[in-house]
Structure formats: structure tokens, C-alpha cells
């Protein structure tokens, strides 16, 4: 069985650290620095690997930071395909203020890319034999707005399943012009898509409309401490969040998506895969900084959700 292919067109190196207190103007000394390969598709591949699955990360990266990202993935043993670009890969920076427990996250937009630089990514998707292809993360500046549309069509054309987790033009264009198997917007991304604030009933209606008009077979909306909603042709499934001790929310959505996709790829029932995703998202919240979920936490929380 081919590995799940994950796509990161605008990846990052995630730097996390801690400071006693954050002040303006003066230098803020940090401790406990940690560097992780990051960005949606990268994180999805790492979580799939953590949970015992097989993934291959296809990513566009450039400059010295792009080489560092590739090296970090190699150190973790992640199967990968690096598409070089001219611009420098971004570095995202997170600081936890120890005196308050608050997190401060700084996320650069990332390098501008030319459409032709991403052509090898399209070719790789078209030629890959993966049963599941996961495109996760924002589009880099300059990328064609329809690049995920083309990837979705290539994937569907060979009978595979395309999974999308994006925002803005990438999300809107793909849902308007193609059909995906699973889309996972956060509530904020769904509100941006529909153009207004949504309460829980509004989330359910918006997700159901995406299914009814054929944009996606499954729509999983993550809502943080409010849990998640899954819409399908069978109706709505609403599950609460698992209450855990929160240390950092970084990577929770990526962990959710990775676990749910992995469970579906193994032939699991949709409802069970949804629960597995919720367990992984909660497990990611339990880890500090940019660390993602741990397998033992995911399995324990999942079995608590399933019950005896």
C-alpha cells in the first residue's frame, strides 16, 4: 500500500521558546528553544508517522532555511520529496510567557513563488499512487489560486481521495470548482468562506450545504474547546472537545486531520475516524510548544471516547 501523500506548498521551520515575561522595546531573553519542521502538510506527515502510518511529505522550500527544513525531516526519518524554490522558507516563532502562561505566535507570510516553480508539485501529485492525498496549509504568495483544484482533479482521476485543509482563496477556489473527499476547516476558516459569524447551528448548516452541493463528501469543522462537527450524506455528527490540561494549541488541527485521514485510509468507519481525529487534536494540546501529539496520549483519549 502506497504511503499517504501530504502536500506543503508554504512550509515553515517552527521555533518555540519560553520567556519569563514579554516586554516591548527591551530585549526579551528566551530559553528552551526548539526547532521543528512545520506547516500543515509537514505536520500531517509527522503525525501519521507518529501514529504508525506511512506518509510522504511533498514540500516546496528554498534557501538556507529550506535546506534546514529538509534536514530536520531527514533526522525524524520522514519520507519526503523536496521541490526547490528561489525564496527563503519562513521561520515561525512562538514564545510562551511563563509568568502568565500566554502564547505569542508570529507567523510570516512566507516567500513569493512563481507558478512554474510549483509545476513539479503538480507533476508529483499526478504521478503518485497514493490512495489518499492531503493538501494542508496556506498557499504561498504568487501561487495559482487553482493549484489545489488541479491536484484534486488529478487525484480523483485515478480513483484516489483528496483531503483539503486550507484557507482563503485556496479553500474557496477548490470547493467551488472541484470535489474533495474530506475538507477540514476551522470555524474561523468556515466563517471566512461564508462571509459571516456562525453559531453552532450555523456551522452545521454551512457544513451540510457543502455536502449537499457536492463540494465535499465529508466536512469536519474544528471549533477548539467547543469540539467539532462532521457533516456527511448521513447527516450531522457533533462531538464535544476532550477536556485536557492545555499546554499549547500549536498543531492541534493538523493532528486532528492526520489521525482522521489515517483511520479512514485503514478502512475505519467514518464516525470512528472522526473520534480518532478529536483524540489526536486533544493530545496535541497536551504537549508544550511546537511539539505535536504523542501516540500513547492519542490511543488513551480515543479509547476514552469510544467507551468500554
C-alpha atoms as a PDB file:
ATOM      1  CA  UNK A   1       0.000   0.000   0.000  1.00  0.00           C
ATOM      2  CA  UNK A   2       1.374   3.416  -1.004  1.00  0.00           C
ATOM      3  CA  UNK A   3       2.025   5.980   1.734  1.00  0.00           C
ATOM      4  CA  UNK A   4      -0.382   8.864   2.246  1.00  0.00           C
ATOM      5  CA  UNK A   5       0.933  11.810   0.243  1.00  0.00           C
ATOM      6  CA  UNK A   6       0.907  15.114   2.126  1.00  0.00           C
ATOM      7  CA  UNK A   7       1.476  18.467   0.440  1.00  0.00           C
ATOM      8  CA  UNK A   8       3.003  21.596   1.983  1.00  0.00           C
ATOM      9  CA  UNK A   9       3.398  24.441  -0.503  1.00  0.00           C
ATOM     10  CA  UNK A  10       4.235  27.032   2.173  1.00  0.00           C
ATOM     11  CA  UNK A  11       6.005  25.094   4.947  1.00  0.00           C
ATOM     12  CA  UNK A  12       7.929  26.557   7.841  1.00  0.00           C
ATOM     13  CA  UNK A  13      10.527  25.901  10.461  1.00  0.00           C
ATOM     14  CA  UNK A  14       8.729  26.214  13.778  1.00  0.00           C
ATOM     15  CA  UNK A  15      10.824  27.770  16.539  1.00  0.00           C
ATOM     16  CA  UNK A  16       9.343  27.664  20.024  1.00  0.00           C
ATOM     17  CA  UNK A  17      10.780  29.042  23.255  1.00  0.00           C
ATOM     18  CA  UNK A  18       9.879  30.457  26.653  1.00  0.00           C
ATOM     19  CA  UNK A  19      10.441  33.782  28.386  1.00  0.00           C
ATOM     20  CA  UNK A  20       9.676  34.822  31.934  1.00  0.00           C
ATOM     21  CA  UNK A  21       7.868  37.953  30.749  1.00  0.00           C
ATOM     22  CA  UNK A  22       7.435  39.713  27.405  1.00  0.00           C
ATOM     23  CA  UNK A  23       8.062  43.469  27.229  1.00  0.00           C
ATOM     24  CA  UNK A  24       8.148  45.924  24.366  1.00  0.00           C
ATOM     25  CA  UNK A  25      11.395  47.665  23.310  1.00  0.00           C
ATOM     26  CA  UNK A  26      13.750  45.804  25.673  1.00  0.00           C
ATOM     27  CA  UNK A  27      15.425  42.543  24.772  1.00  0.00           C
ATOM     28  CA  UNK A  28      13.458  39.501  25.852  1.00  0.00           C
ATOM     29  CA  UNK A  29      15.732  36.601  26.767  1.00  0.00           C
ATOM     30  CA  UNK A  30      14.320  33.198  25.828  1.00  0.00           C
ATOM     31  CA  UNK A  31      15.067  29.657  26.969  1.00  0.00           C
ATOM     32  CA  UNK A  32      14.163  26.106  25.953  1.00  0.00           C
ATOM     33  CA  UNK A  33      14.420  26.790  22.231  1.00  0.00           C
ATOM     34  CA  UNK A  34      13.141  24.029  19.998  1.00  0.00           C
ATOM     35  CA  UNK A  35      13.180  23.750  16.193  1.00  0.00           C
ATOM     36  CA  UNK A  36      10.626  21.581  14.407  1.00  0.00           C
ATOM     37  CA  UNK A  37       9.729  21.080  10.755  1.00  0.00           C
ATOM     38  CA  UNK A  38       6.335  22.720  10.332  1.00  0.00           C
ATOM     39  CA  UNK A  39       3.492  23.809   8.105  1.00  0.00           C
ATOM     40  CA  UNK A  40       0.247  21.941   7.541  1.00  0.00           C
ATOM     41  CA  UNK A  41       1.316  19.168   5.184  1.00  0.00           C
ATOM     42  CA  UNK A  42       4.594  18.648   7.041  1.00  0.00           C
ATOM     43  CA  UNK A  43       2.820  18.319  10.381  1.00  0.00           C
ATOM     44  CA  UNK A  44       0.257  15.914   8.923  1.00  0.00           C
ATOM     45  CA  UNK A  45       3.050  13.642   7.653  1.00  0.00           C
ATOM     46  CA  UNK A  46       4.822  13.744  11.025  1.00  0.00           C
ATOM     47  CA  UNK A  47       1.660  12.818  12.937  1.00  0.00           C
ATOM     48  CA  UNK A  48       0.806   9.986  10.547  1.00  0.00           C
ATOM     49  CA  UNK A  49       4.312   8.644  11.116  1.00  0.00           C
ATOM     50  CA  UNK A  50       3.927   9.047  14.906  1.00  0.00           C
ATOM     51  CA  UNK A  51       0.674   7.076  14.824  1.00  0.00           C
ATOM     52  CA  UNK A  52       2.247   4.163  12.980  1.00  0.00           C
ATOM     53  CA  UNK A  53       1.175   5.026   9.445  1.00  0.00           C
ATOM     54  CA  UNK A  54       3.200   5.737   6.331  1.00  0.00           C
ATOM     55  CA  UNK A  55       3.370   9.189   4.796  1.00  0.00           C
ATOM     56  CA  UNK A  56       5.418  11.013   2.208  1.00  0.00           C
ATOM     57  CA  UNK A  57       5.747  14.780   2.516  1.00  0.00           C
ATOM     58  CA  UNK A  58       5.886  16.730  -0.739  1.00  0.00           C
ATOM     59  CA  UNK A  59       7.018  20.272   0.011  1.00  0.00           C
ATOM     60  CA  UNK A  60       8.317  23.389  -1.708  1.00  0.00           C
ATOM     61  CA  UNK A  61      11.174  25.057   0.147  1.00  0.00           C
ATOM     62  CA  UNK A  62      14.142  27.249  -0.628  1.00  0.00           C
ATOM     63  CA  UNK A  63      17.289  28.931   0.648  1.00  0.00           C
ATOM     64  CA  UNK A  64      19.272  28.035   3.742  1.00  0.00           C
ATOM     65  CA  UNK A  65      16.096  27.633   5.764  1.00  0.00           C
ATOM     66  CA  UNK A  66      14.700  25.269   3.143  1.00  0.00           C
ATOM     67  CA  UNK A  67      17.795  23.112   3.459  1.00  0.00           C
ATOM     68  CA  UNK A  68      17.417  23.158   7.242  1.00  0.00           C
ATOM     69  CA  UNK A  69      13.782  22.072   6.932  1.00  0.00           C
ATOM     70  CA  UNK A  70      14.809  19.164   4.736  1.00  0.00           C
ATOM     71  CA  UNK A  71      17.498  18.179   7.238  1.00  0.00           C
ATOM     72  CA  UNK A  72      15.055  18.281  10.164  1.00  0.00           C
ATOM     73  CA  UNK A  73      12.684  15.978   8.296  1.00  0.00           C
ATOM     74  CA  UNK A  74      15.531  13.614   7.461  1.00  0.00           C
ATOM     75  CA  UNK A  75      16.503  13.482  11.144  1.00  0.00           C
ATOM     76  CA  UNK A  76      12.952  12.431  12.007  1.00  0.00           C
ATOM     77  CA  UNK A  77      13.002   9.736   9.322  1.00  0.00           C
ATOM     78  CA  UNK A  78      10.129  11.266   7.363  1.00  0.00           C
ATOM     79  CA  UNK A  79       9.845  10.117   3.779  1.00  0.00           C
ATOM     80  CA  UNK A  80       9.972  13.316   1.734  1.00  0.00           C
ATOM     81  CA  UNK A  81      10.199  14.936  -1.676  1.00  0.00           C
ATOM     82  CA  UNK A  82      11.743  18.414  -1.717  1.00  0.00           C
ATOM     83  CA  UNK A  83      10.815  20.772  -4.560  1.00  0.00           C
ATOM     84  CA  UNK A  84      13.320  23.686  -4.543  1.00  0.00           C
ATOM     85  CA  UNK A  85      12.114  27.282  -4.898  1.00  0.00           C
ATOM     86  CA  UNK A  86      14.051  30.536  -5.111  1.00  0.00           C
ATOM     87  CA  UNK A  87      12.717  32.201  -1.942  1.00  0.00           C
ATOM     88  CA  UNK A  88      13.717  31.557   1.651  1.00  0.00           C
ATOM     89  CA  UNK A  89      11.422  29.252   3.614  1.00  0.00           C
ATOM     90  CA  UNK A  90       9.783  31.084   6.501  1.00  0.00           C
ATOM     91  CA  UNK A  91      10.510  30.640  10.205  1.00  0.00           C
ATOM     92  CA  UNK A  92       7.508  30.798  12.530  1.00  0.00           C
ATOM     93  CA  UNK A  93       8.281  31.885  16.075  1.00  0.00           C
ATOM     94  CA  UNK A  94       6.306  31.078  19.217  1.00  0.00           C
ATOM     95  CA  UNK A  95       7.097  32.348  22.715  1.00  0.00           C
ATOM     96  CA  UNK A  96       5.334  31.178  25.866  1.00  0.00           C
ATOM     97  CA  UNK A  97       5.294  33.770  28.615  1.00  0.00           C
ATOM     98  CA  UNK A  98       5.921  31.785  31.790  1.00  0.00           C
ATOM     99  CA  UNK A  99       4.522  34.421  34.144  1.00  0.00           C
ATOM    100  CA  UNK A 100       1.067  34.321  32.513  1.00  0.00           C
ATOM    101  CA  UNK A 101       1.019  31.066  30.538  1.00  0.00           C
ATOM    102  CA  UNK A 102       0.075  33.023  27.396  1.00  0.00           C
ATOM    103  CA  UNK A 103       1.460  32.120  23.977  1.00  0.00           C
ATOM    104  CA  UNK A 104       2.614  34.667  21.422  1.00  0.00           C
ATOM    105  CA  UNK A 105       2.800  33.341  17.872  1.00  0.00           C
ATOM    106  CA  UNK A 106       4.496  35.144  14.996  1.00  0.00           C
ATOM    107  CA  UNK A 107       3.822  33.643  11.582  1.00  0.00           C
ATOM    108  CA  UNK A 108       5.459  35.213   8.497  1.00  0.00           C
ATOM    109  CA  UNK A 109       3.565  35.156   5.222  1.00  0.00           C
ATOM    110  CA  UNK A 110       6.399  33.245   3.569  1.00  0.00           C
ATOM    111  CA  UNK A 111       8.217  33.625   0.258  1.00  0.00           C
ATOM    112  CA  UNK A 112       6.587  34.561  -3.026  1.00  0.00           C
ATOM    113  CA  UNK A 113       6.718  31.776  -5.586  1.00  0.00           C
ATOM    114  CA  UNK A 114       6.169  31.670  -9.308  1.00  0.00           C
ATOM    115  CA  UNK A 115       3.641  29.267 -10.781  1.00  0.00           C
ATOM    116  CA  UNK A 116       6.316  27.410 -12.741  1.00  0.00           C
ATOM    117  CA  UNK A 117       8.257  26.725  -9.538  1.00  0.00           C
ATOM    118  CA  UNK A 118       5.308  24.657  -8.295  1.00  0.00           C
ATOM    119  CA  UNK A 119       4.867  22.694 -11.527  1.00  0.00           C
ATOM    120  CA  UNK A 120       6.957  19.779 -10.149  1.00  0.00           C
ATOM    121  CA  UNK A 121       4.464  19.544  -7.247  1.00  0.00           C
ATOM    122  CA  UNK A 122       1.586  19.130  -9.708  1.00  0.00           C
ATOM    123  CA  UNK A 123       3.579  16.544 -11.655  1.00  0.00           C
ATOM    124  CA  UNK A 124       4.350  14.629  -8.465  1.00  0.00           C
ATOM    125  CA  UNK A 125       0.673  14.504  -7.466  1.00  0.00           C
ATOM    126  CA  UNK A 126      -0.336  13.391 -10.949  1.00  0.00           C
ATOM    127  CA  UNK A 127       2.216  10.554 -10.936  1.00  0.00           C
ATOM    128  CA  UNK A 128       1.820   9.410  -7.318  1.00  0.00           C
ATOM    129  CA  UNK A 129      -0.020   6.197  -6.457  1.00  0.00           C
ATOM    130  CA  UNK A 130      -1.234   7.218  -3.002  1.00  0.00           C
ATOM    131  CA  UNK A 131      -4.794   6.281  -2.118  1.00  0.00           C
ATOM    132  CA  UNK A 132      -5.063   9.495  -0.067  1.00  0.00           C
ATOM    133  CA  UNK A 133      -3.580  12.893  -0.906  1.00  0.00           C
ATOM    134  CA  UNK A 134      -3.691  15.576   1.811  1.00  0.00           C
ATOM    135  CA  UNK A 135      -3.133  19.219   0.845  1.00  0.00           C
ATOM    136  CA  UNK A 136      -2.761  21.183   4.065  1.00  0.00           C
ATOM    137  CA  UNK A 137      -1.697  24.742   4.673  1.00  0.00           C
ATOM    138  CA  UNK A 138      -1.903  28.182   3.146  1.00  0.00           C
ATOM    139  CA  UNK A 139      -0.956  28.926  -0.432  1.00  0.00           C
ATOM    140  CA  UNK A 140       2.283  30.892  -0.799  1.00  0.00           C
ATOM    141  CA  UNK A 141       2.102  34.357  -2.335  1.00  0.00           C
ATOM    142  CA  UNK A 142       2.161  34.115  -6.111  1.00  0.00           C
ATOM    143  CA  UNK A 143       0.818  30.549  -6.267  1.00  0.00           C
ATOM    144  CA  UNK A 144      -2.050  29.951  -8.705  1.00  0.00           C
ATOM    145  CA  UNK A 145      -5.349  30.042  -6.810  1.00  0.00           C
ATOM    146  CA  UNK A 146      -6.463  26.884  -8.620  1.00  0.00           C
ATOM    147  CA  UNK A 147      -3.444  24.727  -7.805  1.00  0.00           C
ATOM    148  CA  UNK A 148      -5.398  22.634  -5.277  1.00  0.00           C
ATOM    149  CA  UNK A 149      -8.206  22.320  -7.849  1.00  0.00           C
ATOM    150  CA  UNK A 150      -5.771  20.694 -10.274  1.00  0.00           C
ATOM    151  CA  UNK A 151      -4.368  18.426  -7.562  1.00  0.00           C
ATOM    152  CA  UNK A 152      -7.879  17.367  -6.583  1.00  0.00           C
ATOM    153  CA  UNK A 153      -8.730  16.543 -10.195  1.00  0.00           C
ATOM    154  CA  UNK A 154      -5.525  14.543 -10.689  1.00  0.00           C
ATOM    155  CA  UNK A 155      -6.263  12.602  -7.506  1.00  0.00           C
ATOM    156  CA  UNK A 156      -9.909  11.888  -8.318  1.00  0.00           C
ATOM    157  CA  UNK A 157      -8.986  10.973 -11.885  1.00  0.00           C
ATOM    158  CA  UNK A 158      -7.128   7.894 -10.694  1.00  0.00           C
ATOM    159  CA  UNK A 159      -9.740   6.923  -8.115  1.00  0.00           C
ATOM    160  CA  UNK A 160      -7.919   8.237  -5.049  1.00  0.00           C
ATOM    161  CA  UNK A 161      -9.232  10.549  -2.324  1.00  0.00           C
ATOM    162  CA  UNK A 162      -8.248  14.197  -1.944  1.00  0.00           C
ATOM    163  CA  UNK A 163      -8.264  15.811   1.504  1.00  0.00           C
ATOM    164  CA  UNK A 164      -8.065  19.580   1.924  1.00  0.00           C
ATOM    165  CA  UNK A 165      -7.220  21.840   4.865  1.00  0.00           C
ATOM    166  CA  UNK A 166      -6.590  25.380   3.692  1.00  0.00           C
ATOM    167  CA  UNK A 167      -7.989  28.891   3.905  1.00  0.00           C
ATOM    168  CA  UNK A 168      -8.745  31.939   1.787  1.00  0.00           C
ATOM    169  CA  UNK A 169      -8.526  31.642  -1.988  1.00  0.00           C
ATOM    170  CA  UNK A 170      -7.124  28.112  -1.905  1.00  0.00           C
ATOM    171  CA  UNK A 171     -10.104  26.819   0.067  1.00  0.00           C
ATOM    172  CA  UNK A 172     -12.760  28.810  -1.788  1.00  0.00           C
ATOM    173  CA  UNK A 173     -11.474  28.063  -5.285  1.00  0.00           C
ATOM    174  CA  UNK A 174     -11.165  24.334  -4.661  1.00  0.00           C
ATOM    175  CA  UNK A 175     -14.620  23.936  -3.129  1.00  0.00           C
ATOM    176  CA  UNK A 176     -16.222  25.976  -5.917  1.00  0.00           C
ATOM    177  CA  UNK A 177     -14.506  24.243  -8.824  1.00  0.00           C
ATOM    178  CA  UNK A 178     -13.811  20.693  -7.700  1.00  0.00           C
ATOM    179  CA  UNK A 179     -14.999  17.934  -5.373  1.00  0.00           C
ATOM    180  CA  UNK A 180     -12.919  16.722  -2.462  1.00  0.00           C
ATOM    181  CA  UNK A 181     -13.378  13.701  -0.237  1.00  0.00           C
ATOM    182  CA  UNK A 182     -12.763  15.471   3.072  1.00  0.00           C
ATOM    183  CA  UNK A 183     -12.356  19.138   3.910  1.00  0.00           C
ATOM    184  CA  UNK A 184     -11.413  20.292   7.407  1.00  0.00           C
ATOM    185  CA  UNK A 185     -11.949  23.996   8.004  1.00  0.00           C
ATOM    186  CA  UNK A 186     -11.670  25.542  11.433  1.00  0.00           C
ATOM    187  CA  UNK A 187     -14.723  27.551  12.463  1.00  0.00           C
ATOM    188  CA  UNK A 188     -12.789  30.730  11.596  1.00  0.00           C
ATOM    189  CA  UNK A 189     -11.979  29.450   8.111  1.00  0.00           C
ATOM    190  CA  UNK A 190     -15.605  28.419   7.574  1.00  0.00           C
ATOM    191  CA  UNK A 191     -16.784  31.867   8.681  1.00  0.00           C
ATOM    192  CA  UNK A 192     -14.377  33.446   6.213  1.00  0.00           C
ATOM    193  CA  UNK A 193     -15.716  31.146   3.493  1.00  0.00           C
ATOM    194  CA  UNK A 194     -19.383  32.010   4.112  1.00  0.00           C
ATOM    195  CA  UNK A 195     -18.701  35.666   4.915  1.00  0.00           C
ATOM    196  CA  UNK A 196     -20.119  35.962   8.425  1.00  0.00           C
ATOM    197  CA  UNK A 197     -20.082  34.804  12.042  1.00  0.00           C
ATOM    198  CA  UNK A 198     -21.540  31.376  12.779  1.00  0.00           C
ATOM    199  CA  UNK A 199     -23.073  29.880  15.885  1.00  0.00           C
ATOM    200  CA  UNK A 200     -23.240  26.102  16.274  1.00  0.00           C
ATOM    201  CA  UNK A 201     -26.435  25.785  14.215  1.00  0.00           C
ATOM    202  CA  UNK A 202     -24.885  27.984  11.540  1.00  0.00           C
ATOM    203  CA  UNK A 203     -21.798  25.781  11.421  1.00  0.00           C
ATOM    204  CA  UNK A 204     -23.986  22.707  10.918  1.00  0.00           C
ATOM    205  CA  UNK A 205     -25.991  24.378   8.149  1.00  0.00           C
ATOM    206  CA  UNK A 206     -22.897  25.664   6.335  1.00  0.00           C
ATOM    207  CA  UNK A 207     -21.169  22.281   6.517  1.00  0.00           C
ATOM    208  CA  UNK A 208     -24.321  20.499   5.328  1.00  0.00           C
ATOM    209  CA  UNK A 209     -24.634  22.849   2.342  1.00  0.00           C
ATOM    210  CA  UNK A 210     -21.087  21.982   1.239  1.00  0.00           C
ATOM    211  CA  UNK A 211     -22.033  18.298   1.260  1.00  0.00           C
ATOM    212  CA  UNK A 212     -25.370  18.894  -0.496  1.00  0.00           C
ATOM    213  CA  UNK A 213     -23.851  20.864  -3.349  1.00  0.00           C
ATOM    214  CA  UNK A 214     -21.175  18.239  -3.906  1.00  0.00           C
ATOM    215  CA  UNK A 215     -18.141  20.246  -2.822  1.00  0.00           C
ATOM    216  CA  UNK A 216     -17.081  17.545  -0.344  1.00  0.00           C
ATOM    217  CA  UNK A 217     -18.236  14.140   0.811  1.00  0.00           C
ATOM    218  CA  UNK A 218     -17.169  14.869   4.385  1.00  0.00           C
ATOM    219  CA  UNK A 219     -16.864  18.251   6.111  1.00  0.00           C
ATOM    220  CA  UNK A 220     -15.154  18.238   9.518  1.00  0.00           C
ATOM    221  CA  UNK A 221     -15.270  21.610  11.280  1.00  0.00           C
ATOM    222  CA  UNK A 222     -12.989  22.007  14.292  1.00  0.00           C
ATOM    223  CA  UNK A 223     -14.128  24.526  16.911  1.00  0.00           C
ATOM    224  CA  UNK A 224     -11.437  24.420  19.607  1.00  0.00           C
ATOM    225  CA  UNK A 225     -12.850  23.975  23.098  1.00  0.00           C
ATOM    226  CA  UNK A 226     -16.336  23.683  21.584  1.00  0.00           C
ATOM    227  CA  UNK A 227     -15.450  20.368  19.917  1.00  0.00           C
ATOM    228  CA  UNK A 228     -16.097  19.501  16.295  1.00  0.00           C
ATOM    229  CA  UNK A 229     -18.867  18.881  13.756  1.00  0.00           C
ATOM    230  CA  UNK A 230     -18.864  16.311  10.970  1.00  0.00           C
ATOM    231  CA  UNK A 231     -21.280  16.651   8.053  1.00  0.00           C
ATOM    232  CA  UNK A 232     -21.891  13.869   5.544  1.00  0.00           C
ATOM    233  CA  UNK A 233     -24.707  12.460   3.417  1.00  0.00           C
ATOM    234  CA  UNK A 234     -25.816  10.629   6.587  1.00  0.00           C
ATOM    235  CA  UNK A 235     -26.349  13.881   8.476  1.00  0.00           C
ATOM    236  CA  UNK A 236     -24.546  15.729  11.264  1.00  0.00           C
ATOM    237  CA  UNK A 237     -22.343  14.264  13.986  1.00  0.00           C
ATOM    238  CA  UNK A 238     -21.480  16.642  16.826  1.00  0.00           C
ATOM    239  CA  UNK A 239     -18.873  15.701  19.420  1.00  0.00           C
ATOM    240  CA  UNK A 240     -17.576  17.781  22.326  1.00  0.00           C
ATOM    241  CA  UNK A 241     -13.930  18.519  22.938  1.00  0.00           C
ATOM    242  CA  UNK A 242     -11.973  16.316  25.317  1.00  0.00           C
ATOM    243  CA  UNK A 243     -11.008  18.358  28.366  1.00  0.00           C
ATOM    244  CA  UNK A 244      -7.280  18.040  28.949  1.00  0.00           C
ATOM    245  CA  UNK A 245      -4.619  20.192  30.554  1.00  0.00           C
ATOM    246  CA  UNK A 246      -3.715  22.701  27.851  1.00  0.00           C
ATOM    247  CA  UNK A 247      -0.060  23.431  27.257  1.00  0.00           C
ATOM    248  CA  UNK A 248      -0.052  24.617  23.612  1.00  0.00           C
ATOM    249  CA  UNK A 249      -2.613  24.596  20.817  1.00  0.00           C
ATOM    250  CA  UNK A 250       0.057  24.558  18.093  1.00  0.00           C
ATOM    251  CA  UNK A 251      -0.552  21.704  15.652  1.00  0.00           C
ATOM    252  CA  UNK A 252      -3.890  20.577  17.087  1.00  0.00           C
ATOM    253  CA  UNK A 253      -5.752  20.957  13.799  1.00  0.00           C
ATOM    254  CA  UNK A 254      -3.003  19.208  11.848  1.00  0.00           C
ATOM    255  CA  UNK A 255      -3.008  16.358  14.362  1.00  0.00           C
ATOM    256  CA  UNK A 256      -6.797  16.031  14.044  1.00  0.00           C
ATOM    257  CA  UNK A 257      -6.590  15.859  10.243  1.00  0.00           C
ATOM    258  CA  UNK A 258      -3.694  13.400  10.206  1.00  0.00           C
ATOM    259  CA  UNK A 259      -5.358  10.980  12.614  1.00  0.00           C
ATOM    260  CA  UNK A 260      -8.746  11.110  10.875  1.00  0.00           C
ATOM    261  CA  UNK A 261      -7.191  10.581   7.436  1.00  0.00           C
ATOM    262  CA  UNK A 262      -5.037   7.720   8.682  1.00  0.00           C
ATOM    263  CA  UNK A 263      -8.035   5.969  10.247  1.00  0.00           C
ATOM    264  CA  UNK A 264     -10.057   6.360   7.041  1.00  0.00           C
ATOM    265  CA  UNK A 265      -7.164   5.049   4.940  1.00  0.00           C
ATOM    266  CA  UNK A 266      -7.126   1.932   7.122  1.00  0.00           C
ATOM    267  CA  UNK A 267     -10.784   1.300   6.325  1.00  0.00           C
ATOM    268  CA  UNK A 268     -12.176   2.602   9.616  1.00  0.00           C
ATOM    269  CA  UNK A 269     -15.768   3.768   9.938  1.00  0.00           C
ATOM    270  CA  UNK A 270     -16.238   7.497   9.408  1.00  0.00           C
ATOM    271  CA  UNK A 271     -17.527   8.073  12.945  1.00  0.00           C
ATOM    272  CA  UNK A 272     -14.596   6.208  14.496  1.00  0.00           C
ATOM    273  CA  UNK A 273     -12.136   8.139  12.313  1.00  0.00           C
ATOM    274  CA  UNK A 274     -13.744  11.384  13.470  1.00  0.00           C
ATOM    275  CA  UNK A 275     -13.278  10.337  17.106  1.00  0.00           C
ATOM    276  CA  UNK A 276      -9.668   9.388  16.427  1.00  0.00           C
ATOM    277  CA  UNK A 277      -9.116  12.860  14.996  1.00  0.00           C
ATOM    278  CA  UNK A 278     -10.627  14.537  18.053  1.00  0.00           C
ATOM    279  CA  UNK A 279      -8.384  12.417  20.290  1.00  0.00           C
ATOM    280  CA  UNK A 280      -5.291  13.447  18.342  1.00  0.00           C
ATOM    281  CA  UNK A 281      -6.231  17.126  18.434  1.00  0.00           C
ATOM    282  CA  UNK A 282      -6.671  16.956  22.207  1.00  0.00           C
ATOM    283  CA  UNK A 283      -3.392  15.067  22.581  1.00  0.00           C
ATOM    284  CA  UNK A 284      -1.579  17.828  20.678  1.00  0.00           C
ATOM    285  CA  UNK A 285      -2.916  20.428  23.116  1.00  0.00           C
ATOM    286  CA  UNK A 286      -1.272  18.460  25.948  1.00  0.00           C
ATOM    287  CA  UNK A 287       2.267  18.900  24.575  1.00  0.00           C
ATOM    288  CA  UNK A 288       4.408  22.026  25.000  1.00  0.00           C
ATOM    289  CA  UNK A 289       5.446  24.495  22.314  1.00  0.00           C
ATOM    290  CA  UNK A 290       5.536  23.170  18.768  1.00  0.00           C
ATOM    291  CA  UNK A 291       5.606  19.510  19.783  1.00  0.00           C
ATOM    292  CA  UNK A 292       2.773  17.564  18.158  1.00  0.00           C
ATOM    293  CA  UNK A 293       0.674  14.759  19.636  1.00  0.00           C
ATOM    294  CA  UNK A 294       2.120  11.636  21.267  1.00  0.00           C
ATOM    295  CA  UNK A 295       0.821   8.251  20.224  1.00  0.00           C
ATOM    296  CA  UNK A 296       0.160   6.943  23.728  1.00  0.00           C
ATOM    297  CA  UNK A 297      -1.955  10.020  24.516  1.00  0.00           C
ATOM    298  CA  UNK A 298      -3.941   9.668  21.292  1.00  0.00           C
ATOM    299  CA  UNK A 299      -4.724   5.999  21.885  1.00  0.00           C
ATOM    300  CA  UNK A 300      -5.726   6.588  25.502  1.00  0.00           C
ATOM    301  CA  UNK A 301      -8.035   9.501  24.682  1.00  0.00           C
ATOM    302  CA  UNK A 302      -9.542   7.651  21.737  1.00  0.00           C
ATOM    303  CA  UNK A 303     -10.457   4.659  23.887  1.00  0.00           C
ATOM    304  CA  UNK A 304     -11.990   7.006  26.466  1.00  0.00           C
ATOM    305  CA  UNK A 305     -14.176   8.490  23.691  1.00  0.00           C
ATOM    306  CA  UNK A 306     -15.227   5.063  22.454  1.00  0.00           C
ATOM    307  CA  UNK A 307     -16.172   3.911  25.932  1.00  0.00           C
ATOM    308  CA  UNK A 308     -15.980   0.356  27.294  1.00  0.00           C
END
